[in-house]
Amino acid sequence: MINQIHSLLSAFTTWTGLSMNYSMHGFVRFIRENGLSLSQISTLFQLYHCGTSAVSQISSNLDISNAAVSQLLERLVQQGLITRSENPLDRREKQLVLTNKGYELLRDSAKACSAWQEKLISTLTPEEQNKVSEALEILIDKTKQLPNA
């Protein structure tokens, strides 16, 4: 039983590493091809998850100065990925929001991360696809049952 658990854990760890490697390779290539820095793509994801954000929130999240964030944001505004407007409750503060183009870019980044998966699946026989699908359904269900998952 212990050998079976060790073997499964080893295979799962290897799969996780390979999956992360292929996904990150696709993601990094995508952001480079689109002329973005990691700070810029992090900002876009923050806006995606928060809806709107202030410059100070972006600065705090990236742990860089407001001046540095302002330069980073200006480039995203010029690319049409975000809009910057006054906060109606505090005119000194600017609100940042993703544009449709920004949403599309993030959607495309997710596709770039998972493109390798389609290639992999196409190499599997129908029987293998069914086995993998069943195993993944089990893992998904069990993961959802974990605390803090």
C-alpha atoms as a PDB file:
ATOM      1  CA  MET A   1       0.000   0.000   0.000  1.00  0.00           C
ATOM      2  CA  ILE A   2       2.802   2.428   0.913  1.00  0.00           C
ATOM      3  CA  ASN A   3       4.638   1.642  -2.350  1.00  0.00           C
ATOM      4  CA  GLN A   4       1.418   2.279  -4.309  1.00  0.00           C
ATOM      5  CA  ILE A   5       0.944   5.675  -2.587  1.00  0.00           C
ATOM      6  CA  HIS A   6       4.604   6.563  -3.143  1.00  0.00           C
ATOM      7  CA  SER A   7       4.352   5.553  -6.812  1.00  0.00           C
ATOM      8  CA  LEU A   8       1.170   7.595  -7.307  1.00  0.00           C
ATOM      9  CA  LEU A   9       2.647  10.614  -5.545  1.00  0.00           C
ATOM     10  CA  SER A  10       5.803  10.378  -7.667  1.00  0.00           C
ATOM     11  CA  ALA A  11       3.795  10.154 -10.897  1.00  0.00           C
ATOM     12  CA  PHE A  12       1.524  12.995  -9.816  1.00  0.00           C
ATOM     13  CA  THR A  13       4.512  15.196  -8.901  1.00  0.00           C
ATOM     14  CA  THR A  14       6.164  14.473 -12.253  1.00  0.00           C
ATOM     15  CA  TRP A  15       2.913  15.258 -14.122  1.00  0.00           C
ATOM     16  CA  THR A  16       2.445  18.499 -12.172  1.00  0.00           C
ATOM     17  CA  GLY A  17       5.981  19.628 -12.991  1.00  0.00           C
ATOM     18  CA  LEU A  18       5.602  18.825 -16.691  1.00  0.00           C
ATOM     19  CA  SER A  19       2.208  20.508 -16.833  1.00  0.00           C
ATOM     20  CA  MET A  20       3.484  23.655 -15.154  1.00  0.00           C
ATOM     21  CA  ASN A  21       6.556  23.744 -17.405  1.00  0.00           C
ATOM     22  CA  TYR A  22       4.545  23.497 -20.628  1.00  0.00           C
ATOM     23  CA  SER A  23       1.907  25.960 -19.410  1.00  0.00           C
ATOM     24  CA  MET A  24       4.436  28.550 -18.234  1.00  0.00           C
ATOM     25  CA  HIS A  25       6.463  28.209 -21.431  1.00  0.00           C
ATOM     26  CA  GLY A  26       3.355  29.041 -23.458  1.00  0.00           C
ATOM     27  CA  PHE A  27       2.436  31.904 -21.116  1.00  0.00           C
ATOM     28  CA  VAL A  28       5.904  33.500 -21.118  1.00  0.00           C
ATOM     29  CA  ARG A  29       6.106  33.227 -24.908  1.00  0.00           C
ATOM     30  CA  PHE A  30       2.667  34.861 -25.169  1.00  0.00           C
ATOM     31  CA  ILE A  31       3.512  37.852 -22.960  1.00  0.00           C
ATOM     32  CA  ARG A  32       6.815  38.384 -24.793  1.00  0.00           C
ATOM     33  CA  GLU A  33       5.089  38.250 -28.187  1.00  0.00           C
ATOM     34  CA  ASN A  34       2.640  40.869 -26.932  1.00  0.00           C
ATOM     35  CA  GLY A  35       5.376  43.128 -25.560  1.00  0.00           C
ATOM     36  CA  LEU A  36       4.240  42.871 -21.948  1.00  0.00           C
ATOM     37  CA  SER A  37       6.235  42.636 -18.747  1.00  0.00           C
ATOM     38  CA  LEU A  38       5.345  40.364 -15.845  1.00  0.00           C
ATOM     39  CA  SER A  39       4.303  43.466 -13.869  1.00  0.00           C
ATOM     40  CA  GLN A  40       1.961  44.534 -16.661  1.00  0.00           C
ATOM     41  CA  ILE A  41       0.318  41.126 -17.023  1.00  0.00           C
ATOM     42  CA  SER A  42       0.018  40.895 -13.212  1.00  0.00           C
ATOM     43  CA  THR A  43      -1.770  44.250 -13.264  1.00  0.00           C
ATOM     44  CA  LEU A  44      -4.166  43.041 -15.944  1.00  0.00           C
ATOM     45  CA  PHE A  45      -4.967  39.925 -13.913  1.00  0.00           C
ATOM     46  CA  GLN A  46      -5.499  42.039 -10.776  1.00  0.00           C
ATOM     47  CA  LEU A  47      -7.982  44.211 -12.666  1.00  0.00           C
ATOM     48  CA  TYR A  48      -9.666  41.114 -14.055  1.00  0.00           C
ATOM     49  CA  HIS A  49     -10.205  39.708 -10.563  1.00  0.00           C
ATOM     50  CA  CYS A  50     -11.024  42.993  -8.787  1.00  0.00           C
ATOM     51  CA  GLY A  51     -13.045  44.744 -11.504  1.00  0.00           C
ATOM     52  CA  THR A  52     -11.609  48.164 -10.711  1.00  0.00           C
ATOM     53  CA  SER A  53      -8.534  49.220  -8.822  1.00  0.00           C
ATOM     54  CA  ALA A  54      -6.726  52.353  -7.703  1.00  0.00           C
ATOM     55  CA  VAL A  55      -3.124  53.125  -8.616  1.00  0.00           C
ATOM     56  CA  SER A  56      -2.146  52.686  -4.958  1.00  0.00           C
ATOM     57  CA  GLN A  57      -3.635  49.168  -4.917  1.00  0.00           C
ATOM     58  CA  ILE A  58      -1.598  48.198  -7.988  1.00  0.00           C
ATOM     59  CA  SER A  59       1.501  49.759  -6.436  1.00  0.00           C
ATOM     60  CA  SER A  60       0.980  47.820  -3.215  1.00  0.00           C
ATOM     61  CA  ASN A  61       0.327  44.555  -5.052  1.00  0.00           C
ATOM     62  CA  LEU A  62       3.489  44.875  -7.153  1.00  0.00           C
ATOM     63  CA  ASP A  63       5.504  46.373  -4.270  1.00  0.00           C
ATOM     64  CA  ILE A  64       6.759  49.256  -6.395  1.00  0.00           C
ATOM     65  CA  SER A  65       6.363  53.036  -6.151  1.00  0.00           C
ATOM     66  CA  ASN A  66       3.321  54.933  -7.436  1.00  0.00           C
ATOM     67  CA  ALA A  67       5.621  56.678  -9.952  1.00  0.00           C
ATOM     68  CA  ALA A  68       6.831  53.366 -11.372  1.00  0.00           C
ATOM     69  CA  VAL A  69       3.261  52.049 -11.501  1.00  0.00           C
ATOM     70  CA  SER A  70       2.117  55.190 -13.308  1.00  0.00           C
ATOM     71  CA  GLN A  71       4.620  54.534 -16.105  1.00  0.00           C
ATOM     72  CA  LEU A  72       3.566  50.892 -16.308  1.00  0.00           C
ATOM     73  CA  LEU A  73      -0.119  51.903 -16.442  1.00  0.00           C
ATOM     74  CA  GLU A  74       0.457  54.540 -19.102  1.00  0.00           C
ATOM     75  CA  ARG A  75       1.740  51.895 -21.477  1.00  0.00           C
ATOM     76  CA  LEU A  76      -1.332  49.711 -20.805  1.00  0.00           C
ATOM     77  CA  VAL A  77      -3.597  52.719 -21.448  1.00  0.00           C
ATOM     78  CA  GLN A  78      -1.760  53.496 -24.720  1.00  0.00           C
ATOM     79  CA  GLN A  79      -2.189  49.867 -25.804  1.00  0.00           C
ATOM     80  CA  GLY A  80      -5.913  50.137 -25.134  1.00  0.00           C
ATOM     81  CA  LEU A  81      -5.836  47.375 -22.497  1.00  0.00           C
ATOM     82  CA  ILE A  82      -7.086  49.510 -19.584  1.00  0.00           C
ATOM     83  CA  THR A  83      -8.861  52.802 -18.993  1.00  0.00           C
ATOM     84  CA  ARG A  84      -7.986  55.301 -16.304  1.00  0.00           C
ATOM     85  CA  SER A  85     -10.604  57.695 -14.950  1.00  0.00           C
ATOM     86  CA  GLU A  86     -11.330  59.775 -11.863  1.00  0.00           C
ATOM     87  CA  ASN A  87     -12.903  58.083  -8.875  1.00  0.00           C
ATOM     88  CA  PRO A  88     -16.298  59.782  -8.473  1.00  0.00           C
ATOM     89  CA  LEU A  89     -15.933  59.570  -4.669  1.00  0.00           C
ATOM     90  CA  ASP A  90     -12.390  60.994  -4.585  1.00  0.00           C
ATOM     91  CA  ARG A  91     -11.307  63.009  -7.631  1.00  0.00           C
ATOM     92  CA  ARG A  92      -7.635  62.780  -6.569  1.00  0.00           C
ATOM     93  CA  GLU A  93      -7.717  59.019  -7.098  1.00  0.00           C
ATOM     94  CA  LYS A  94      -7.697  57.315 -10.489  1.00  0.00           C
ATOM     95  CA  GLN A  95      -9.744  54.185 -11.162  1.00  0.00           C
ATOM     96  CA  LEU A  96      -8.364  51.544 -13.469  1.00  0.00           C
ATOM     97  CA  VAL A  97     -10.574  49.180 -15.471  1.00  0.00           C
ATOM     98  CA  LEU A  98      -9.868  46.518 -18.109  1.00  0.00           C
ATOM     99  CA  THR A  99     -11.120  47.239 -21.607  1.00  0.00           C
ATOM    100  CA  ASN A 100     -12.638  44.626 -23.899  1.00  0.00           C
ATOM    101  CA  LYS A 101      -9.239  44.409 -25.572  1.00  0.00           C
ATOM    102  CA  GLY A 102      -7.694  43.716 -22.148  1.00  0.00           C
ATOM    103  CA  TYR A 103     -10.197  40.932 -21.483  1.00  0.00           C
ATOM    104  CA  GLU A 104      -9.461  39.422 -24.899  1.00  0.00           C
ATOM    105  CA  LEU A 105      -5.731  39.511 -24.233  1.00  0.00           C
ATOM    106  CA  LEU A 106      -6.183  37.649 -20.936  1.00  0.00           C
ATOM    107  CA  ARG A 107      -8.442  35.097 -22.615  1.00  0.00           C
ATOM    108  CA  ASP A 108      -5.789  34.584 -25.288  1.00  0.00           C
ATOM    109  CA  SER A 109      -3.109  34.202 -22.601  1.00  0.00           C
ATOM    110  CA  ALA A 110      -5.115  31.347 -21.074  1.00  0.00           C
ATOM    111  CA  LYS A 111      -5.322  29.702 -24.500  1.00  0.00           C
ATOM    112  CA  ALA A 112      -1.551  30.049 -24.882  1.00  0.00           C
ATOM    113  CA  CYS A 113      -1.094  28.269 -21.536  1.00  0.00           C
ATOM    114  CA  SER A 114      -3.260  25.330 -22.548  1.00  0.00           C
ATOM    115  CA  ALA A 115      -2.465  24.946 -26.261  1.00  0.00           C
ATOM    116  CA  TRP A 116      -0.071  22.087 -25.490  1.00  0.00           C
ATOM    117  CA  GLN A 117      -2.909  20.173 -23.825  1.00  0.00           C
ATOM    118  CA  GLU A 118      -4.848  19.904 -27.096  1.00  0.00           C
ATOM    119  CA  LYS A 119      -1.741  18.535 -28.788  1.00  0.00           C
ATOM    120  CA  LEU A 120      -1.270  16.000 -26.001  1.00  0.00           C
ATOM    121  CA  ILE A 121      -4.915  14.888 -26.047  1.00  0.00           C
ATOM    122  CA  SER A 122      -4.755  14.362 -29.803  1.00  0.00           C
ATOM    123  CA  THR A 123      -2.011  11.766 -29.240  1.00  0.00           C
ATOM    124  CA  LEU A 124      -4.235   9.673 -26.956  1.00  0.00           C
ATOM    125  CA  THR A 125      -6.390   6.832 -28.205  1.00  0.00           C
ATOM    126  CA  PRO A 126     -10.129   7.080 -27.440  1.00  0.00           C
ATOM    127  CA  GLU A 127      -9.676   4.481 -24.694  1.00  0.00           C
ATOM    128  CA  GLU A 128      -6.822   6.457 -23.137  1.00  0.00           C
ATOM    129  CA  GLN A 129      -8.882   9.657 -23.373  1.00  0.00           C
ATOM    130  CA  ASN A 130     -11.701   7.964 -21.434  1.00  0.00           C
ATOM    131  CA  LYS A 131      -9.319   6.682 -18.744  1.00  0.00           C
ATOM    132  CA  VAL A 132      -7.676  10.082 -18.311  1.00  0.00           C
ATOM    133  CA  SER A 133     -11.048  11.831 -18.265  1.00  0.00           C
ATOM    134  CA  GLU A 134     -12.363   9.477 -15.572  1.00  0.00           C
ATOM    135  CA  ALA A 135      -9.221   9.907 -13.469  1.00  0.00           C
ATOM    136  CA  LEU A 136      -9.365  13.693 -13.786  1.00  0.00           C
ATOM    137  CA  GLU A 137     -13.037  13.735 -12.748  1.00  0.00           C
ATOM    138  CA  ILE A 138     -12.089  11.829  -9.597  1.00  0.00           C
ATOM    139  CA  LEU A 139      -9.246  14.263  -8.876  1.00  0.00           C
ATOM    140  CA  ILE A 140     -11.490  17.279  -9.491  1.00  0.00           C
ATOM    141  CA  ASP A 141     -14.167  15.953  -7.142  1.00  0.00           C
ATOM    142  CA  LYS A 142     -11.657  15.073  -4.414  1.00  0.00           C
ATOM    143  CA  THR A 143      -9.871  18.418  -4.761  1.00  0.00           C
ATOM    144  CA  LYS A 144     -13.161  20.275  -4.303  1.00  0.00           C
ATOM    145  CA  GLN A 145     -13.668  18.358  -1.063  1.00  0.00           C
ATOM    146  CA  LEU A 146     -10.343  19.480   0.426  1.00  0.00           C
ATOM    147  CA  PRO A 147     -10.493  22.256   3.030  1.00  0.00           C
ATOM    148  CA  ASN A 148      -9.358  25.667   1.737  1.00  0.00           C
ATOM    149  CA  ALA A 149      -9.358  24.437  -1.862  1.00  0.00           C
END
